[in-house]
Amino acid sequence: MNPWLATAADVPNMVEIGAKFHAMSPHRSMGEYDPAGISRMLHFMVESPQSVLMTNGEGFIGGTYAPVYFAPSKWMLEENFWFSGKDGFSLLEAMLIHGKGWGADFCVLSTLENEHSKAIDRLLTRKGFRLMERRYIKEIN
């Protein structure tokens, strides 16, 4: 299915899909899944001119537009989340098209660190992405 810009009507389905992602992701150690909070955040993104939220009915991708902090005349599209049971790369391509139309100069995205990391790296490299940094997490006690 071809991706489309999400609307408020798409939010309930995306909340359900998000629960599936949370259940299988390493992020689940960061907190319980909050469907009401996720719904509010997704509604905010649908309405925000500095966010993009796209779905294909099987998954969704969302990002935020922000200036590059050391070169604020340049804009980046920061992927906030991306998960799909099917056709995930079509979501990424649709978001890149949106970013270009919005005027973004770069797209920055993260991927999960797991047994699929090497394969995902190869696919993203073929699509023109390059590894720039790694993300780490530490719980602050």
C-alpha atoms as a PDB file:
ATOM      1  CA  MET A   1       0.000   0.000   0.000  1.00  0.00           C
ATOM      2  CA  ASN A   2       1.336   3.462  -0.857  1.00  0.00           C
ATOM      3  CA  PRO A   3       2.152   5.709   2.124  1.00  0.00           C
ATOM      4  CA  TRP A   4       0.125   8.819   2.828  1.00  0.00           C
ATOM      5  CA  LEU A   5       0.299  11.763   5.194  1.00  0.00           C
ATOM      6  CA  ALA A   6      -1.403  10.655   8.370  1.00  0.00           C
ATOM      7  CA  THR A   7      -4.584  12.318   9.551  1.00  0.00           C
ATOM      8  CA  ALA A   8      -6.370  12.248  12.892  1.00  0.00           C
ATOM      9  CA  ALA A   9      -8.395   9.294  11.569  1.00  0.00           C
ATOM     10  CA  ASP A  10      -5.173   7.254  11.230  1.00  0.00           C
ATOM     11  CA  VAL A  11      -4.066   7.782  14.822  1.00  0.00           C
ATOM     12  CA  PRO A  12      -5.944   4.869  16.473  1.00  0.00           C
ATOM     13  CA  ASN A  13      -4.365   2.372  14.055  1.00  0.00           C
ATOM     14  CA  MET A  14      -0.920   3.883  14.591  1.00  0.00           C
ATOM     15  CA  VAL A  15      -1.365   3.625  18.369  1.00  0.00           C
ATOM     16  CA  GLU A  16      -2.041  -0.115  17.930  1.00  0.00           C
ATOM     17  CA  ILE A  17       0.962  -0.535  15.629  1.00  0.00           C
ATOM     18  CA  GLY A  18       3.113   1.368  18.128  1.00  0.00           C
ATOM     19  CA  ALA A  19       2.169  -1.141  20.833  1.00  0.00           C
ATOM     20  CA  LYS A  20       3.505  -3.939  18.621  1.00  0.00           C
ATOM     21  CA  PHE A  21       6.771  -2.060  18.098  1.00  0.00           C
ATOM     22  CA  HIS A  22       7.151  -1.346  21.809  1.00  0.00           C
ATOM     23  CA  ALA A  23       6.602  -5.011  22.682  1.00  0.00           C
ATOM     24  CA  MET A  24       9.490  -6.169  20.476  1.00  0.00           C
ATOM     25  CA  SER A  25      11.903  -3.268  20.820  1.00  0.00           C
ATOM     26  CA  PRO A  26      14.736  -2.601  23.237  1.00  0.00           C
ATOM     27  CA  HIS A  27      12.930   0.645  24.124  1.00  0.00           C
ATOM     28  CA  ARG A  28      10.441  -1.257  26.278  1.00  0.00           C
ATOM     29  CA  SER A  29      12.922  -1.081  29.175  1.00  0.00           C
ATOM     30  CA  MET A  30      12.474   2.708  29.186  1.00  0.00           C
ATOM     31  CA  GLY A  31       8.837   2.565  30.307  1.00  0.00           C
ATOM     32  CA  GLU A  32       5.378   1.132  29.831  1.00  0.00           C
ATOM     33  CA  TYR A  33       3.531   1.845  26.598  1.00  0.00           C
ATOM     34  CA  ASP A  34       1.102   4.736  27.132  1.00  0.00           C
ATOM     35  CA  PRO A  35      -1.614   4.568  24.440  1.00  0.00           C
ATOM     36  CA  ALA A  36      -3.292   7.822  25.533  1.00  0.00           C
ATOM     37  CA  GLY A  37       0.022   9.678  25.595  1.00  0.00           C
ATOM     38  CA  ILE A  38       1.022   8.243  22.205  1.00  0.00           C
ATOM     39  CA  SER A  39      -2.343   9.308  20.784  1.00  0.00           C
ATOM     40  CA  ARG A  40      -1.823  12.894  22.012  1.00  0.00           C
ATOM     41  CA  MET A  41       1.712  12.986  20.565  1.00  0.00           C
ATOM     42  CA  LEU A  42       0.587  11.636  17.183  1.00  0.00           C
ATOM     43  CA  HIS A  43      -2.289  14.141  17.025  1.00  0.00           C
ATOM     44  CA  PHE A  44       0.211  16.912  17.783  1.00  0.00           C
ATOM     45  CA  MET A  45       2.444  15.707  14.936  1.00  0.00           C
ATOM     46  CA  VAL A  46      -0.493  15.591  12.489  1.00  0.00           C
ATOM     47  CA  GLU A  47      -1.183  19.265  13.244  1.00  0.00           C
ATOM     48  CA  SER A  48       2.412  20.532  13.498  1.00  0.00           C
ATOM     49  CA  PRO A  49       3.947  22.205  10.428  1.00  0.00           C
ATOM     50  CA  GLN A  50       7.394  21.133  11.711  1.00  0.00           C
ATOM     51  CA  SER A  51       6.523  17.449  11.867  1.00  0.00           C
ATOM     52  CA  VAL A  52       5.752  14.808   9.300  1.00  0.00           C
ATOM     53  CA  LEU A  53       3.789  11.658  10.070  1.00  0.00           C
ATOM     54  CA  MET A  54       3.144   9.074   7.368  1.00  0.00           C
ATOM     55  CA  THR A  55       1.475   5.686   7.374  1.00  0.00           C
ATOM     56  CA  ASN A  56       0.779   2.850   4.977  1.00  0.00           C
ATOM     57  CA  GLY A  57      -1.780   1.125   7.179  1.00  0.00           C
ATOM     58  CA  GLU A  58       0.817  -1.493   8.208  1.00  0.00           C
ATOM     59  CA  GLY A  59       3.251   0.876   9.902  1.00  0.00           C
ATOM     60  CA  PHE A  60       4.256   4.481  10.253  1.00  0.00           C
ATOM     61  CA  ILE A  61       7.173   6.872  10.260  1.00  0.00           C
ATOM     62  CA  GLY A  62       7.456  10.244  11.906  1.00  0.00           C
ATOM     63  CA  GLY A  63       9.987  13.004  11.956  1.00  0.00           C
ATOM     64  CA  THR A  64      10.608  16.537  13.115  1.00  0.00           C
ATOM     65  CA  TYR A  65      12.138  19.383  11.134  1.00  0.00           C
ATOM     66  CA  ALA A  66      14.831  21.331  12.958  1.00  0.00           C
ATOM     67  CA  PRO A  67      17.735  23.597  12.072  1.00  0.00           C
ATOM     68  CA  VAL A  68      21.199  22.060  12.148  1.00  0.00           C
ATOM     69  CA  TYR A  69      22.427  23.503  15.435  1.00  0.00           C
ATOM     70  CA  PHE A  70      25.813  24.736  14.164  1.00  0.00           C
ATOM     71  CA  ALA A  71      24.536  25.835  10.736  1.00  0.00           C
ATOM     72  CA  PRO A  72      20.949  27.026  11.322  1.00  0.00           C
ATOM     73  CA  SER A  73      20.450  28.052   7.705  1.00  0.00           C
ATOM     74  CA  LYS A  74      20.407  24.298   6.969  1.00  0.00           C
ATOM     75  CA  TRP A  75      17.474  22.131   8.029  1.00  0.00           C
ATOM     76  CA  MET A  76      17.331  18.469   8.925  1.00  0.00           C
ATOM     77  CA  LEU A  77      14.493  16.033   9.106  1.00  0.00           C
ATOM     78  CA  GLU A  78      15.097  13.994  12.247  1.00  0.00           C
ATOM     79  CA  GLU A  79      13.334  10.638  12.137  1.00  0.00           C
ATOM     80  CA  ASN A  80      11.660  10.108  15.508  1.00  0.00           C
ATOM     81  CA  PHE A  81      10.282   6.616  14.943  1.00  0.00           C
ATOM     82  CA  TRP A  82       9.849   4.143  12.116  1.00  0.00           C
ATOM     83  CA  PHE A  83       8.185   0.757  12.233  1.00  0.00           C
ATOM     84  CA  SER A  84       6.221  -1.298   9.770  1.00  0.00           C
ATOM     85  CA  GLY A  85       5.243  -4.908   9.439  1.00  0.00           C
ATOM     86  CA  LYS A  86       5.288  -4.449   5.664  1.00  0.00           C
ATOM     87  CA  ASP A  87       6.767  -2.026   3.097  1.00  0.00           C
ATOM     88  CA  GLY A  88       8.837  -0.087   5.643  1.00  0.00           C
ATOM     89  CA  PHE A  89      11.219   1.309   3.043  1.00  0.00           C
ATOM     90  CA  SER A  90       8.319   2.832   1.106  1.00  0.00           C
ATOM     91  CA  LEU A  91       7.542   4.824   4.263  1.00  0.00           C
ATOM     92  CA  LEU A  92      11.136   6.045   4.420  1.00  0.00           C
ATOM     93  CA  GLU A  93      11.094   7.015   0.736  1.00  0.00           C
ATOM     94  CA  ALA A  94       7.819   8.905   1.188  1.00  0.00           C
ATOM     95  CA  MET A  95       9.232  10.774   4.168  1.00  0.00           C
ATOM     96  CA  LEU A  96      12.348  11.706   2.165  1.00  0.00           C
ATOM     97  CA  ILE A  97      10.149  13.092  -0.616  1.00  0.00           C
ATOM     98  CA  HIS A  98       8.208  15.109   1.956  1.00  0.00           C
ATOM     99  CA  GLY A  99      11.478  16.370   3.440  1.00  0.00           C
ATOM    100  CA  LYS A 100      12.739  17.519   0.069  1.00  0.00           C
ATOM    101  CA  GLY A 101       9.466  19.349  -0.605  1.00  0.00           C
ATOM    102  CA  TRP A 102       9.569  20.921   2.850  1.00  0.00           C
ATOM    103  CA  GLY A 103      13.085  22.224   2.204  1.00  0.00           C
ATOM    104  CA  ALA A 104      15.139  19.951   4.447  1.00  0.00           C
ATOM    105  CA  ASP A 105      18.794  19.535   3.537  1.00  0.00           C
ATOM    106  CA  PHE A 106      19.383  16.281   5.427  1.00  0.00           C
ATOM    107  CA  CYS A 107      17.548  13.313   6.874  1.00  0.00           C
ATOM    108  CA  VAL A 108      18.923  11.836  10.084  1.00  0.00           C
ATOM    109  CA  LEU A 109      17.656   8.466  11.249  1.00  0.00           C
ATOM    110  CA  SER A 110      18.450   5.800  13.766  1.00  0.00           C
ATOM    111  CA  THR A 111      18.003   2.054  13.619  1.00  0.00           C
ATOM    112  CA  LEU A 112      17.717  -0.593  16.272  1.00  0.00           C
ATOM    113  CA  GLU A 113      20.847  -2.399  17.378  1.00  0.00           C
ATOM    114  CA  ASN A 114      20.059  -6.090  16.938  1.00  0.00           C
ATOM    115  CA  GLU A 115      20.777  -9.165  14.806  1.00  0.00           C
ATOM    116  CA  HIS A 116      19.491  -7.298  11.709  1.00  0.00           C
ATOM    117  CA  SER A 117      21.834  -4.302  12.120  1.00  0.00           C
ATOM    118  CA  LYS A 118      24.375  -5.341   9.463  1.00  0.00           C
ATOM    119  CA  ALA A 119      21.687  -6.007   6.854  1.00  0.00           C
ATOM    120  CA  ILE A 120      19.916  -2.726   7.610  1.00  0.00           C
ATOM    121  CA  ASP A 121      23.254  -0.910   7.364  1.00  0.00           C
ATOM    122  CA  ARG A 122      23.848  -2.384   3.905  1.00  0.00           C
ATOM    123  CA  LEU A 123      20.347  -1.406   2.732  1.00  0.00           C
ATOM    124  CA  LEU A 124      20.595   2.149   4.055  1.00  0.00           C
ATOM    125  CA  THR A 125      24.085   2.592   2.625  1.00  0.00           C
ATOM    126  CA  ARG A 126      22.775   1.545  -0.788  1.00  0.00           C
ATOM    127  CA  LYS A 127      20.040   4.171  -0.407  1.00  0.00           C
ATOM    128  CA  GLY A 128      22.676   6.882   0.131  1.00  0.00           C
ATOM    129  CA  PHE A 129      22.779   7.071   3.926  1.00  0.00           C
ATOM    130  CA  ARG A 130      26.101   7.011   5.726  1.00  0.00           C
ATOM    131  CA  LEU A 131      26.905   6.195   9.310  1.00  0.00           C
ATOM    132  CA  MET A 132      27.651   9.392  11.203  1.00  0.00           C
ATOM    133  CA  GLU A 133      27.334   8.574  14.881  1.00  0.00           C
ATOM    134  CA  ARG A 134      26.142   5.925  17.301  1.00  0.00           C
ATOM    135  CA  ARG A 135      23.550   6.360  20.017  1.00  0.00           C
ATOM    136  CA  TYR A 136      23.956   5.059  23.546  1.00  0.00           C
ATOM    137  CA  ILE A 137      21.559   5.086  26.453  1.00  0.00           C
ATOM    138  CA  LYS A 138      22.190   5.144  30.173  1.00  0.00           C
ATOM    139  CA  GLU A 139      19.572   5.202  32.870  1.00  0.00           C
ATOM    140  CA  ILE A 140      20.165   8.126  35.223  1.00  0.00           C
ATOM    141  CA  ASN A 141      19.614   7.054  38.801  1.00  0.00           C
END
